[in-house]
Each structure stands twice: as C-alpha cells, then as structure tokens.
C-alpha atoms as a PDB file:
ATOM      1  CA  MET A   1    -163.674 -58.263  68.575  1.00  0.00           C
ATOM      2  CA  ILE A   2    -165.503 -55.076  69.446  1.00  0.00           C
ATOM      3  CA  ILE A   3    -168.761 -56.263  67.864  1.00  0.00           C
ATOM      4  CA  LYS A   4    -168.439 -59.739  69.279  1.00  0.00           C
ATOM      5  CA  HIS A   5    -167.749 -58.535  72.825  1.00  0.00           C
ATOM      6  CA  SER A   6    -169.653 -55.239  72.830  1.00  0.00           C
ATOM      7  CA  ASP A   7    -171.692 -56.258  75.880  1.00  0.00           C
ATOM      8  CA  LYS A   8    -168.522 -56.998  77.858  1.00  0.00           C
ATOM      9  CA  ILE A   9    -166.854 -53.680  77.099  1.00  0.00           C
ATOM     10  CA  ALA A  10    -169.875 -51.430  77.371  1.00  0.00           C
ATOM     11  CA  SER A  11    -168.328 -49.327  80.150  1.00  0.00           C
ATOM     12  CA  PRO A  12    -165.273 -49.147  82.421  1.00  0.00           C
ATOM     13  CA  ASN A  13    -167.433 -50.032  85.421  1.00  0.00           C
ATOM     14  CA  ILE A  14    -168.551 -53.288  83.806  1.00  0.00           C
ATOM     15  CA  ILE A  15    -164.916 -54.168  83.117  1.00  0.00           C
ATOM     16  CA  LYS A  16    -163.847 -53.294  86.667  1.00  0.00           C
ATOM     17  CA  ASP A  17    -166.597 -55.375  88.282  1.00  0.00           C
ATOM     18  CA  SER A  18    -166.057 -58.309  85.914  1.00  0.00           C
ATOM     19  CA  PHE A  19    -162.298 -58.361  86.458  1.00  0.00           C
ATOM     20  CA  GLN A  20    -162.853 -58.429  90.203  1.00  0.00           C
ATOM     21  CA  LYS A  21    -164.971 -61.560  89.775  1.00  0.00           C
ATOM     22  CA  LEU A  22    -162.035 -63.079  87.891  1.00  0.00           C
ATOM     23  CA  GLY A  23    -159.740 -62.301  90.813  1.00  0.00           C
ATOM     24  CA  TYR A  24    -158.062 -59.167  89.419  1.00  0.00           C
ATOM     25  CA  ILE A  25    -158.596 -56.008  91.448  1.00  0.00           C
ATOM     26  CA  CYS A  26    -158.081 -53.025  89.186  1.00  0.00           C
ATOM     27  CA  SER A  27    -158.295 -49.287  89.654  1.00  0.00           C
ATOM     28  CA  ASP A  28    -160.551 -46.956  87.683  1.00  0.00           C
ATOM     29  CA  ASP A  29    -157.543 -45.976  85.542  1.00  0.00           C
ATOM     30  CA  ILE A  30    -156.895 -49.580  84.552  1.00  0.00           C
ATOM     31  CA  ALA A  31    -160.540 -50.322  83.741  1.00  0.00           C
ATOM     32  CA  THR A  32    -160.838 -47.129  81.689  1.00  0.00           C
ATOM     33  CA  SER A  33    -157.662 -47.905  79.743  1.00  0.00           C
ATOM     34  CA  ILE A  34    -158.840 -51.413  78.835  1.00  0.00           C
ATOM     35  CA  TYR A  35    -162.213 -49.988  77.796  1.00  0.00           C
ATOM     36  CA  LEU A  36    -160.607 -47.374  75.537  1.00  0.00           C
ATOM     37  CA  ALA A  37    -158.119 -49.840  74.042  1.00  0.00           C
ATOM     38  CA  CYS A  38    -160.985 -52.094  72.989  1.00  0.00           C
ATOM     39  CA  GLN A  39    -163.318 -49.376  71.757  1.00  0.00           C
ATOM     40  CA  LEU A  40    -160.714 -47.270  69.948  1.00  0.00           C
ATOM     41  CA  GLN A  41    -158.846 -50.320  68.621  1.00  0.00           C
ATOM     42  CA  LYS A  42    -155.535 -48.925  69.785  1.00  0.00           C
ATOM     43  CA  PRO A  43    -152.626 -50.769  71.391  1.00  0.00           C
ATOM     44  CA  ILE A  44    -152.049 -50.069  75.059  1.00  0.00           C
ATOM     45  CA  LEU A  45    -148.581 -49.624  76.570  1.00  0.00           C
ATOM     46  CA  ILE A  46    -148.522 -50.568  80.247  1.00  0.00           C
ATOM     47  CA  GLU A  47    -145.521 -49.347  82.202  1.00  0.00           C
ATOM     48  CA  GLY A  48    -144.589 -49.784  85.834  1.00  0.00           C
ATOM     49  CA  PRO A  49    -142.269 -51.637  88.209  1.00  0.00           C
ATOM     50  CA  PRO A  50    -142.023 -55.437  87.966  1.00  0.00           C
ATOM     51  CA  GLY A  51    -144.644 -57.458  89.769  1.00  0.00           C
ATOM     52  CA  VAL A  52    -147.537 -54.978  89.838  1.00  0.00           C
ATOM     53  CA  GLY A  53    -149.787 -57.060  87.554  1.00  0.00           C
ATOM     54  CA  LYS A  54    -149.064 -55.849  84.016  1.00  0.00           C
ATOM     55  CA  THR A  55    -148.775 -59.294  82.447  1.00  0.00           C
ATOM     56  CA  GLU A  56    -151.617 -60.611  84.575  1.00  0.00           C
ATOM     57  CA  LEU A  57    -153.831 -57.819  83.259  1.00  0.00           C
ATOM     58  CA  ALA A  58    -153.325 -59.085  79.696  1.00  0.00           C
ATOM     59  CA  LYS A  59    -154.137 -62.624  80.799  1.00  0.00           C
ATOM     60  CA  LYS A  60    -157.327 -61.520  82.526  1.00  0.00           C
ATOM     61  CA  THR A  61    -158.345 -59.446  79.495  1.00  0.00           C
ATOM     62  CA  ALA A  62    -158.069 -62.511  77.273  1.00  0.00           C
ATOM     63  CA  GLN A  63    -159.946 -64.624  79.823  1.00  0.00           C
ATOM     64  CA  TYR A  64    -162.698 -62.042  80.164  1.00  0.00           C
ATOM     65  CA  LEU A  65    -163.169 -61.697  76.405  1.00  0.00           C
ATOM     66  CA  SER A  66    -162.883 -65.477  75.855  1.00  0.00           C
ATOM     67  CA  ALA A  67    -160.092 -64.687  73.386  1.00  0.00           C
ATOM     68  CA  GLU A  68    -156.866 -66.533  72.702  1.00  0.00           C
ATOM     69  CA  LEU A  69    -153.866 -65.050  74.489  1.00  0.00           C
ATOM     70  CA  ILE A  70    -150.831 -64.916  72.200  1.00  0.00           C
ATOM     71  CA  ARG A  71    -147.739 -63.965  74.162  1.00  0.00           C
ATOM     72  CA  MET A  72    -144.413 -62.807  72.799  1.00  0.00           C
ATOM     73  CA  GLN A  73    -141.677 -62.493  75.409  1.00  0.00           C
ATOM     74  CA  CYS A  74    -139.142 -59.869  74.386  1.00  0.00           C
ATOM     75  CA  TYR A  75    -135.412 -60.140  74.909  1.00  0.00           C
ATOM     76  CA  GLU A  76    -132.221 -58.590  73.566  1.00  0.00           C
ATOM     77  CA  GLY A  77    -131.572 -59.746  70.002  1.00  0.00           C
ATOM     78  CA  LEU A  78    -135.197 -60.635  69.228  1.00  0.00           C
ATOM     79  CA  ASP A  79    -135.826 -60.383  65.476  1.00  0.00           C
ATOM     80  CA  GLU A  80    -138.657 -60.913  63.024  1.00  0.00           C
ATOM     81  CA  ALA A  81    -137.716 -64.561  62.477  1.00  0.00           C
ATOM     82  CA  LYS A  82    -138.775 -65.254  66.062  1.00  0.00           C
ATOM     83  CA  ALA A  83    -141.527 -62.654  66.315  1.00  0.00           C
ATOM     84  CA  LEU A  84    -143.237 -62.664  62.910  1.00  0.00           C
ATOM     85  CA  TYR A  85    -142.423 -65.695  60.767  1.00  0.00           C
ATOM     86  CA  GLU A  86    -139.763 -68.013  59.500  1.00  0.00           C
ATOM     87  CA  TRP A  87    -139.590 -70.567  56.720  1.00  0.00           C
ATOM     88  CA  LYS A  88    -139.882 -74.279  57.359  1.00  0.00           C
ATOM     89  CA  TYR A  89    -136.353 -75.011  56.192  1.00  0.00           C
ATOM     90  CA  GLY A  90    -136.523 -78.710  57.006  1.00  0.00           C
ATOM     91  CA  LYS A  91    -139.654 -79.123  54.932  1.00  0.00           C
ATOM     92  CA  GLN A  92    -138.148 -77.113  52.091  1.00  0.00           C
ATOM     93  CA  LEU A  93    -135.048 -79.324  52.090  1.00  0.00           C
ATOM     94  CA  LEU A  94    -137.122 -82.495  52.159  1.00  0.00           C
ATOM     95  CA  TYR A  95    -139.256 -81.365  49.226  1.00  0.00           C
ATOM     96  CA  THR A  96    -136.146 -80.308  47.330  1.00  0.00           C
ATOM     97  CA  GLN A  97    -134.726 -83.821  47.662  1.00  0.00           C
ATOM     98  CA  LEU A  98    -138.016 -85.392  46.586  1.00  0.00           C
ATOM     99  CA  LEU A  99    -138.418 -83.144  43.576  1.00  0.00           C
ATOM    100  CA  LYS A 100    -134.843 -82.945  42.350  1.00  0.00           C
ATOM    101  CA  ASP A 101    -135.511 -85.743  39.882  1.00  0.00           C
ATOM    102  CA  GLN A 102    -138.065 -83.503  38.197  1.00  0.00           C
ATOM    103  CA  LEU A 103    -135.544 -80.778  37.472  1.00  0.00           C
ATOM    104  CA  GLY A 104    -134.842 -82.405  34.116  1.00  0.00           C
ATOM    105  CA  ASP A 105    -138.484 -82.028  33.153  1.00  0.00           C
ATOM    106  CA  VAL A 106    -138.486 -78.415  34.328  1.00  0.00           C
ATOM    107  CA  LEU A 107    -135.479 -77.556  32.167  1.00  0.00           C
ATOM    108  CA  SER A 108    -136.537 -79.667  29.215  1.00  0.00           C
ATOM    109  CA  GLY A 109    -136.693 -77.623  26.021  1.00  0.00           C
ATOM    110  CA  ALA A 110    -135.212 -74.498  27.609  1.00  0.00           C
ATOM    111  CA  LYS A 111    -133.303 -72.339  25.120  1.00  0.00           C
ATOM    112  CA  GLY A 112    -130.233 -70.811  26.618  1.00  0.00           C
ATOM    113  CA  LEU A 113    -129.134 -69.943  30.122  1.00  0.00           C
ATOM    114  CA  ASP A 114    -131.591 -67.120  30.645  1.00  0.00           C
ATOM    115  CA  GLU A 115    -134.620 -69.307  30.015  1.00  0.00           C
ATOM    116  CA  SER A 116    -133.212 -72.079  32.221  1.00  0.00           C
ATOM    117  CA  VAL A 117    -132.669 -69.628  35.103  1.00  0.00           C
ATOM    118  CA  SER A 118    -136.162 -68.227  34.613  1.00  0.00           C
ATOM    119  CA  ARG A 119    -137.699 -71.697  34.888  1.00  0.00           C
ATOM    120  CA  LEU A 120    -135.620 -72.514  37.974  1.00  0.00           C
ATOM    121  CA  HIS A 121    -136.738 -69.243  39.549  1.00  0.00           C
ATOM    122  CA  GLN A 122    -140.401 -70.169  39.062  1.00  0.00           C
ATOM    123  CA  PHE A 123    -139.691 -73.587  40.475  1.00  0.00           C
ATOM    124  CA  GLY A 124    -137.929 -72.084  43.504  1.00  0.00           C
ATOM    125  CA  ASP A 125    -140.777 -69.656  44.298  1.00  0.00           C
ATOM    126  CA  ILE A 126    -142.920 -72.646  45.252  1.00  0.00           C
ATOM    127  CA  PHE A 127    -140.808 -73.080  48.381  1.00  0.00           C
ATOM    128  CA  TYR A 128    -141.544 -69.529  49.550  1.00  0.00           C
ATOM    129  CA  SER A 129    -145.306 -69.833  49.665  1.00  0.00           C
ATOM    130  CA  GLU A 130    -147.885 -70.177  52.436  1.00  0.00           C
ATOM    131  CA  GLU A 131    -147.347 -73.945  52.640  1.00  0.00           C
ATOM    132  CA  PHE A 132    -143.800 -73.424  53.887  1.00  0.00           C
ATOM    133  CA  LEU A 133    -144.453 -70.463  56.181  1.00  0.00           C
ATOM    134  CA  GLU A 134    -144.143 -70.920  59.946  1.00  0.00           C
ATOM    135  CA  PRO A 135    -146.123 -68.133  61.682  1.00  0.00           C
ATOM    136  CA  ARG A 136    -144.798 -66.682  64.917  1.00  0.00           C
ATOM    137  CA  PRO A 137    -146.760 -64.708  67.553  1.00  0.00           C
ATOM    138  CA  LEU A 138    -147.284 -61.472  65.598  1.00  0.00           C
ATOM    139  CA  LEU A 139    -148.497 -63.253  62.476  1.00  0.00           C
ATOM    140  CA  GLN A 140    -150.589 -65.678  64.523  1.00  0.00           C
ATOM    141  CA  ALA A 141    -152.410 -62.739  66.121  1.00  0.00           C
ATOM    142  CA  LEU A 142    -153.147 -61.099  62.774  1.00  0.00           C
ATOM    143  CA  ARG A 143    -154.454 -64.352  61.313  1.00  0.00           C
ATOM    144  CA  ASN A 144    -156.704 -65.213  64.229  1.00  0.00           C
ATOM    145  CA  GLU A 145    -160.221 -65.020  62.819  1.00  0.00           C
ATOM    146  CA  ASP A 146    -161.934 -64.782  66.212  1.00  0.00           C
ATOM    147  CA  GLY A 147    -159.668 -62.016  67.457  1.00  0.00           C
ATOM    148  CA  ALA A 148    -156.903 -62.458  70.001  1.00  0.00           C
ATOM    149  CA  VAL A 149    -155.159 -60.619  72.795  1.00  0.00           C
ATOM    150  CA  LEU A 150    -151.552 -60.102  71.699  1.00  0.00           C
ATOM    151  CA  LEU A 151    -149.218 -59.606  74.666  1.00  0.00           C
ATOM    152  CA  ILE A 152    -145.836 -58.122  73.753  1.00  0.00           C
ATOM    153  CA  ASP A 153    -144.207 -58.601  77.124  1.00  0.00           C
ATOM    154  CA  GLU A 154    -141.291 -56.495  78.392  1.00  0.00           C
ATOM    155  CA  ILE A 155    -140.798 -54.522  75.191  1.00  0.00           C
ATOM    156  CA  ASP A 156    -138.082 -52.514  76.961  1.00  0.00           C
ATOM    157  CA  LYS A 157    -135.827 -55.597  76.839  1.00  0.00           C
ATOM    158  CA  ALA A 158    -135.884 -55.672  73.028  1.00  0.00           C
ATOM    159  CA  ASP A 159    -133.597 -53.595  70.822  1.00  0.00           C
ATOM    160  CA  GLN A 160    -134.615 -50.268  69.328  1.00  0.00           C
ATOM    161  CA  GLU A 161    -134.509 -51.882  65.869  1.00  0.00           C
ATOM    162  CA  PHE A 162    -137.202 -54.350  66.904  1.00  0.00           C
ATOM    163  CA  GLU A 163    -139.208 -51.540  68.427  1.00  0.00           C
ATOM    164  CA  ALA A 164    -139.125 -49.795  65.036  1.00  0.00           C
ATOM    165  CA  PHE A 165    -140.119 -53.036  63.320  1.00  0.00           C
ATOM    166  CA  LEU A 166    -143.345 -53.076  65.384  1.00  0.00           C
ATOM    167  CA  LEU A 167    -144.542 -49.674  64.218  1.00  0.00           C
ATOM    168  CA  GLU A 168    -146.384 -50.951  61.130  1.00  0.00           C
ATOM    169  CA  LEU A 169    -148.298 -53.494  63.178  1.00  0.00           C
ATOM    170  CA  LEU A 170    -149.147 -51.013  65.932  1.00  0.00           C
ATOM    171  CA  SER A 171    -150.461 -48.363  63.542  1.00  0.00           C
ATOM    172  CA  ASP A 172    -152.107 -50.366  60.758  1.00  0.00           C
ATOM    173  CA  TYR A 173    -152.509 -53.884  62.167  1.00  0.00           C
ATOM    174  CA  GLN A 174    -150.547 -55.293  59.270  1.00  0.00           C
ATOM    175  CA  VAL A 175    -147.062 -56.598  58.537  1.00  0.00           C
ATOM    176  CA  SER A 176    -144.981 -56.912  55.380  1.00  0.00           C
ATOM    177  CA  ILE A 177    -143.438 -60.215  54.319  1.00  0.00           C
ATOM    178  CA  PRO A 178    -141.072 -59.695  51.345  1.00  0.00           C
ATOM    179  CA  GLU A 179    -141.814 -63.046  49.662  1.00  0.00           C
ATOM    180  CA  ILE A 180    -145.597 -62.834  50.108  1.00  0.00           C
ATOM    181  CA  GLY A 181    -146.560 -59.191  50.531  1.00  0.00           C
ATOM    182  CA  THR A 182    -148.627 -57.316  53.090  1.00  0.00           C
ATOM    183  CA  VAL A 183    -150.646 -59.355  55.564  1.00  0.00           C
ATOM    184  CA  LYS A 184    -153.544 -57.470  57.160  1.00  0.00           C
ATOM    185  CA  ALA A 185    -155.355 -58.529  60.319  1.00  0.00           C
ATOM    186  CA  ILE A 186    -158.415 -60.676  59.706  1.00  0.00           C
ATOM    187  CA  THR A 187    -159.788 -59.415  63.016  1.00  0.00           C
ATOM    188  CA  LYS A 188    -157.846 -56.683  64.772  1.00  0.00           C
ATOM    189  CA  PRO A 189    -156.285 -58.076  67.947  1.00  0.00           C
ATOM    190  CA  ILE A 190    -156.164 -56.248  71.239  1.00  0.00           C
ATOM    191  CA  VAL A 191    -152.468 -55.448  71.584  1.00  0.00           C
ATOM    192  CA  ILE A 192    -150.981 -54.994  75.050  1.00  0.00           C
ATOM    193  CA  LEU A 193    -147.336 -54.042  75.471  1.00  0.00           C
ATOM    194  CA  THR A 194    -145.661 -54.074  78.882  1.00  0.00           C
ATOM    195  CA  SER A 195    -142.503 -52.328  80.033  1.00  0.00           C
ATOM    196  CA  ASN A 196    -140.555 -52.336  83.294  1.00  0.00           C
ATOM    197  CA  ASN A 197    -138.893 -49.048  82.332  1.00  0.00           C
ATOM    198  CA  THR A 198    -135.394 -50.502  82.050  1.00  0.00           C
ATOM    199  CA  ARG A 199    -134.880 -48.169  79.076  1.00  0.00           C
ATOM    200  CA  GLU A 200    -136.719 -45.261  77.516  1.00  0.00           C
ATOM    201  CA  LEU A 201    -139.024 -46.288  74.676  1.00  0.00           C
ATOM    202  CA  GLY A 202    -139.152 -44.326  71.444  1.00  0.00           C
ATOM    203  CA  ASP A 203    -141.653 -41.550  70.790  1.00  0.00           C
ATOM    204  CA  ALA A 204    -142.914 -43.268  67.629  1.00  0.00           C
ATOM    205  CA  LEU A 205    -143.990 -46.339  69.572  1.00  0.00           C
ATOM    206  CA  LYS A 206    -145.568 -44.294  72.355  1.00  0.00           C
ATOM    207  CA  ARG A 207    -147.563 -42.196  69.868  1.00  0.00           C
ATOM    208  CA  ARG A 208    -149.228 -45.313  68.522  1.00  0.00           C
ATOM    209  CA  CYS A 209    -150.354 -46.533  71.951  1.00  0.00           C
ATOM    210  CA  LEU A 210    -152.599 -45.579  74.779  1.00  0.00           C
ATOM    211  CA  HIS A 211    -150.504 -45.225  77.926  1.00  0.00           C
ATOM    212  CA  LEU A 212    -151.149 -46.746  81.339  1.00  0.00           C
ATOM    213  CA  TYR A 213    -148.821 -46.612  84.316  1.00  0.00           C
ATOM    214  CA  ILE A 214    -149.436 -49.127  87.099  1.00  0.00           C
ATOM    215  CA  PRO A 215    -147.603 -48.150  90.301  1.00  0.00           C
ATOM    216  CA  PHE A 216    -147.391 -50.124  93.502  1.00  0.00           C
ATOM    217  CA  PRO A 217    -150.914 -50.088  94.957  1.00  0.00           C
ATOM    218  CA  ASP A 218    -151.779 -48.059  98.018  1.00  0.00           C
ATOM    219  CA  PRO A 219    -152.337 -50.115 101.201  1.00  0.00           C
ATOM    220  CA  LYS A 220    -156.118 -50.134 100.839  1.00  0.00           C
ATOM    221  CA  LEU A 221    -156.002 -51.500  97.289  1.00  0.00           C
ATOM    222  CA  GLU A 222    -153.291 -54.009  98.175  1.00  0.00           C
ATOM    223  CA  GLN A 223    -155.430 -55.295 101.045  1.00  0.00           C
ATOM    224  CA  GLU A 224    -158.276 -55.831  98.582  1.00  0.00           C
ATOM    225  CA  ILE A 225    -155.912 -57.743  96.305  1.00  0.00           C
ATOM    226  CA  ILE A 226    -154.731 -59.969  99.160  1.00  0.00           C
ATOM    227  CA  ALA A 227    -158.312 -60.537 100.288  1.00  0.00           C
ATOM    228  CA  VAL A 228    -159.210 -61.828  96.824  1.00  0.00           C
ATOM    229  CA  GLN A 229    -156.033 -63.817  96.191  1.00  0.00           C
ATOM    230  CA  VAL A 230    -155.696 -65.267  99.718  1.00  0.00           C
ATOM    231  CA  PRO A 231    -159.265 -65.238 101.065  1.00  0.00           C
ATOM    232  CA  ASP A 232    -158.564 -67.455 104.088  1.00  0.00           C
ATOM    233  CA  ILE A 233    -156.052 -65.108 105.703  1.00  0.00           C
ATOM    234  CA  ASN A 234    -157.338 -63.328 108.809  1.00  0.00           C
ATOM    235  CA  ASN A 235    -157.921 -59.586 108.734  1.00  0.00           C
ATOM    236  CA  ASP A 236    -155.285 -58.689 111.345  1.00  0.00           C
ATOM    237  CA  LEU A 237    -152.509 -60.575 109.574  1.00  0.00           C
ATOM    238  CA  ARG A 238    -153.542 -59.191 106.191  1.00  0.00           C
ATOM    239  CA  ASN A 239    -153.359 -55.619 107.501  1.00  0.00           C
ATOM    240  CA  GLN A 240    -150.030 -56.267 109.214  1.00  0.00           C
ATOM    241  CA  LEU A 241    -148.293 -57.806 106.227  1.00  0.00           C
ATOM    242  CA  VAL A 242    -149.522 -55.122 103.823  1.00  0.00           C
ATOM    243  CA  SER A 243    -148.302 -52.419 106.197  1.00  0.00           C
ATOM    244  CA  PHE A 244    -144.963 -54.165 106.608  1.00  0.00           C
ATOM    245  CA  VAL A 245    -144.457 -54.495 102.856  1.00  0.00           C
ATOM    246  CA  ASN A 246    -145.274 -50.825 102.356  1.00  0.00           C
ATOM    247  CA  GLU A 247    -142.662 -49.917 104.962  1.00  0.00           C
ATOM    248  CA  LEU A 248    -140.120 -52.040 103.086  1.00  0.00           C
ATOM    249  CA  ARG A 249    -140.877 -50.164  99.873  1.00  0.00           C
ATOM    250  CA  ALA A 250    -139.861 -46.945 101.605  1.00  0.00           C
ATOM    251  CA  LEU A 251    -136.392 -48.336 102.364  1.00  0.00           C
ATOM    252  CA  SER A 252    -133.385 -48.030 100.077  1.00  0.00           C
ATOM    253  CA  LEU A 253    -133.279 -51.584  98.732  1.00  0.00           C
ATOM    254  CA  LYS A 254    -131.969 -53.080  95.502  1.00  0.00           C
ATOM    255  CA  LYS A 255    -135.395 -54.548  94.787  1.00  0.00           C
ATOM    256  CA  VAL A 256    -138.463 -53.703  96.814  1.00  0.00           C
ATOM    257  CA  PRO A 257    -141.230 -56.321  97.152  1.00  0.00           C
ATOM    258  CA  ALA A 258    -143.769 -56.437  94.346  1.00  0.00           C
ATOM    259  CA  VAL A 259    -147.462 -57.222  94.691  1.00  0.00           C
ATOM    260  CA  SER A 260    -146.835 -60.757  93.469  1.00  0.00           C
ATOM    261  CA  GLU A 261    -144.345 -61.237  96.311  1.00  0.00           C
ATOM    262  CA  THR A 262    -146.824 -59.878  98.851  1.00  0.00           C
ATOM    263  CA  ILE A 263    -149.296 -62.494  97.644  1.00  0.00           C
ATOM    264  CA  ASP A 264    -146.674 -65.244  97.894  1.00  0.00           C
ATOM    265  CA  TRP A 265    -145.806 -64.117 101.420  1.00  0.00           C
ATOM    266  CA  ALA A 266    -149.446 -64.120 102.468  1.00  0.00           C
ATOM    267  CA  ARG A 267    -149.933 -67.637 101.127  1.00  0.00           C
ATOM    268  CA  ALA A 268    -146.783 -68.837 102.912  1.00  0.00           C
ATOM    269  CA  LEU A 269    -147.825 -67.320 106.243  1.00  0.00           C
ATOM    270  CA  LEU A 270    -151.239 -68.939 105.906  1.00  0.00           C
ATOM    271  CA  LEU A 271    -149.605 -72.282 105.153  1.00  0.00           C
ATOM    272  CA  LEU A 272    -147.373 -71.876 108.213  1.00  0.00           C
ATOM    273  CA  ASN A 273    -150.457 -71.202 110.345  1.00  0.00           C
ATOM    274  CA  VAL A 274    -149.244 -67.723 111.320  1.00  0.00           C
ATOM    275  CA  HIS A 275    -151.932 -65.540 112.906  1.00  0.00           C
ATOM    276  CA  SER A 276    -149.874 -62.451 113.686  1.00  0.00           C
ATOM    277  CA  LEU A 277    -146.512 -61.119 112.566  1.00  0.00           C
ATOM    278  CA  ASP A 278    -143.582 -61.330 114.958  1.00  0.00           C
ATOM    279  CA  HIS A 279    -139.826 -60.988 114.638  1.00  0.00           C
ATOM    280  CA  ASP A 280    -139.081 -64.683 114.095  1.00  0.00           C
ATOM    281  CA  TRP A 281    -141.753 -65.288 111.457  1.00  0.00           C
ATOM    282  CA  ILE A 282    -140.628 -62.232 109.519  1.00  0.00           C
ATOM    283  CA  LYS A 283    -136.955 -63.175 109.707  1.00  0.00           C
ATOM    284  CA  ASN A 284    -137.631 -66.778 108.640  1.00  0.00           C
ATOM    285  CA  THR A 285    -139.706 -65.763 105.611  1.00  0.00           C
ATOM    286  CA  LEU A 286    -137.910 -62.618 104.386  1.00  0.00           C
ATOM    287  CA  ASN A 287    -136.538 -64.582 101.420  1.00  0.00           C
ATOM    288  CA  LEU A 288    -140.065 -64.628 100.004  1.00  0.00           C
ATOM    289  CA  LEU A 289    -140.133 -60.839  99.901  1.00  0.00           C
ATOM    290  CA  LEU A 290    -136.528 -59.919  99.175  1.00  0.00           C
ATOM    291  CA  LYS A 291    -134.380 -61.397  96.409  1.00  0.00           C
ATOM    292  CA  PHE A 292    -130.971 -59.991  97.367  1.00  0.00           C
ATOM    293  CA  GLN A 293    -129.004 -61.068 100.430  1.00  0.00           C
ATOM    294  CA  ASP A 294    -127.843 -57.483 100.982  1.00  0.00           C
ATOM    295  CA  ASP A 295    -131.480 -56.384 101.220  1.00  0.00           C
ATOM    296  CA  ILE A 296    -132.276 -59.196 103.649  1.00  0.00           C
ATOM    297  CA  GLU A 297    -129.400 -58.176 105.917  1.00  0.00           C
ATOM    298  CA  VAL A 298    -130.525 -54.545 105.862  1.00  0.00           C
ATOM    299  CA  VAL A 299    -134.099 -55.444 106.792  1.00  0.00           C
ATOM    300  CA  GLU A 300    -133.152 -57.968 109.487  1.00  0.00           C
ATOM    301  CA  SER A 301    -131.657 -55.158 111.535  1.00  0.00           C
ATOM    302  CA  GLU A 302    -134.838 -53.100 111.115  1.00  0.00           C
ATOM    303  CA  ILE A 303    -137.463 -55.736 111.937  1.00  0.00           C
ATOM    304  CA  TYR A 304    -138.182 -54.583 115.505  1.00  0.00           C
ATOM    305  CA  PRO A 305    -138.537 -50.869 114.621  1.00  0.00           C
ATOM    306  CA  LEU A 306    -140.703 -51.733 111.619  1.00  0.00           C
ATOM    307  CA  LEU A 307    -142.891 -54.045 113.685  1.00  0.00           C
ATOM    308  CA  LYS A 308    -143.414 -51.350 116.276  1.00  0.00           C
ATOM    309  CA  LYS A 309    -144.270 -48.872 113.553  1.00  0.00           C
ATOM    310  CA  ILE A 310    -146.864 -51.055 111.863  1.00  0.00           C
ATOM    311  CA  GLN A 311    -148.435 -52.064 115.179  1.00  0.00           C
ATOM    312  CA  GLN A 312    -149.115 -48.402 115.822  1.00  0.00           C
ATOM    313  CA  LYS A 313    -150.660 -48.053 112.382  1.00  0.00           C
ATOM    314  CA  THR A 314    -152.715 -51.281 112.352  1.00  0.00           C
ATOM    315  CA  PRO A 315    -154.598 -51.775 115.617  1.00  0.00           C
ATOM    316  CA  LYS A 316    -156.238 -55.151 115.983  1.00  0.00           C
ATOM    317  CA  GLN A 317    -159.710 -55.393 114.545  1.00  0.00           C
ATOM    318  CA  LYS A 318    -162.670 -56.740 116.404  1.00  0.00           C
ATOM    319  CA  PRO A 319    -164.047 -60.169 115.406  1.00  0.00           C
ATOM    320  CA  GLY A 320    -166.181 -59.907 112.290  1.00  0.00           C
ATOM    321  CA  GLN A 321    -164.715 -56.547 111.282  1.00  0.00           C
ATOM    322  CA  ALA A 322    -163.514 -56.458 107.677  1.00  0.00           C
END
C-alpha cells in the first residue's frame, strides 16, 4: 500500500489537509500518527473516550487511500473462529454425504487396519483445505491483494487471551492455521486498533503498535468540526453549543457528551430552527447530549447558571464574522 499510495502519504500536512476535505478535522498529532503508521508499516493503537472519532478516523483513512475497510468489532468471548477463520461445516457435511459411496473404492485393497486408517486420513484431509475455509476479518485483510485498512474496534472489550492471539499478526503480519500452516499478508494492511480504556491493555500489544490518544477536542477544534459537519448552523449558535457542551464535560456526570453527540445536537437544533440557546430549547433537547436520566436531572437544575456562564464567554459575533 505504501508504494501504491505514496503520493497520498507524502507528509502529515498532506494527510491533514486531505482529511479535512473529506470532512474529518484532525490535529497535527493525528495526521502525524497516520503518516507514520503507513510509512513504518506498524499498527496504530488509538485510545480515548468514546465518541471522539477513533472509529471514524479508520473509516476516513480507508476512504482516503481508496482501500477496503475490514472491520472487526471486539466483544467478550471473541475467538479465532469469529476473527480469523472457520470451516464450512455445512459444505463439509454435504460433500461427505455425496462421497460416502466412494469409501469402498478408497478402502479397496487395503491390508489391515493401519493401512485403512491411513487411507481414510488422506481422504479426510481434503475437507480441511482452502476450498472449505471460511475467512473472517483478520484473514480477509491478509489476503487482500490491493491492501486494506483493518479496523480492530474496541480491543479493550476482548479478553486478554484474544489480545495475545493478535500478537503474531501485529508483529509479522501473518497468522498460523494448524490445518494449513502460516498465512502471510499478500499486501500488508494498515491496522488500526481502538480502545475506550475500559481495561488496561497488555505491554506486548502496546509494544507492537504506535500509540495515539485522542482526547475531547478543545473548543476551537470542536467549533471547526461542527462547522464542517453542520455547515448551515449560524456562528453564534455554534459557539454557544460548543461552550455549553464543554461546560457539561466539567461536571461530574456518568457520561459526558462526546463529539458525536455535539454534532447530533447541532443538527437537531438546526432542524428545529433554533438560532440561539435558551433554557427551554436546552431542556427539551438534553436527551441528545446525555444518556442517563440522573445526568439529565443534574443538568436541568444547572441550565440557567451554565447559560449565564457561556453568554459571558461567547459574545455575539457581528454579521459575516466567522
């Protein structure tokens, strides 16, 4: 992929500018990390709170490189049968039924039990060949001739055993299948792992990856994100809602609003034809920002003080002012 897309990953600045055209506003750290991951052919581990754009970054990377995005969503109990490969058991059973009449021919002339078992073993190996293999995301990424972006999403939700299973792929871009052998990448994929930090990841996995932490954006960057994602929103409202969300993030809530929820809120306010934040509009749309009723009740009692605070911070802009 590096040779094929060398013009697209010539520098972090090119990546940053190109991602912005695709609607993804990224910091210098993000652009540099994507650049290094591509050039050094190393996986990149992206950590940070939910909703800050980790998964979206992988999607935009695949879109930018015109590469297939292969996504593997992690969860507790995930194993190699779901992540790497499994056998087409239905097809194996069907072929067994069709070929059982030929077993007599296979065993014809066999001398003794040992020779009969040996012939049956050769016959059985046919069913554990490429024709009966069902590739899953990891194997699909390694076999992709044009190169792919492999997204291993929310790796912190998987077990430590699965984390250890990934080490061979992350270090050597290969996997081992007992019945077939070692499968090496045809074209090394760009591997992006994401984590919401629900548990501490192992040192062995971290050593094999570049590390990127994406925090909640500062107000200036978040305003740029809203301006790109919701271009029709007026400047005053955009400034007000970003300031309000940042105030919410400073409160002691079960779940503070993510960037994705700020975007949803902005789109909803635009749809409702809101031009400026007030108590009623905030109260009626808090469920877009907050996902726990306890949090909503806490914030409802703080709306007036928060409004006053953000009005002092965000004076109205003159017409035409960005």
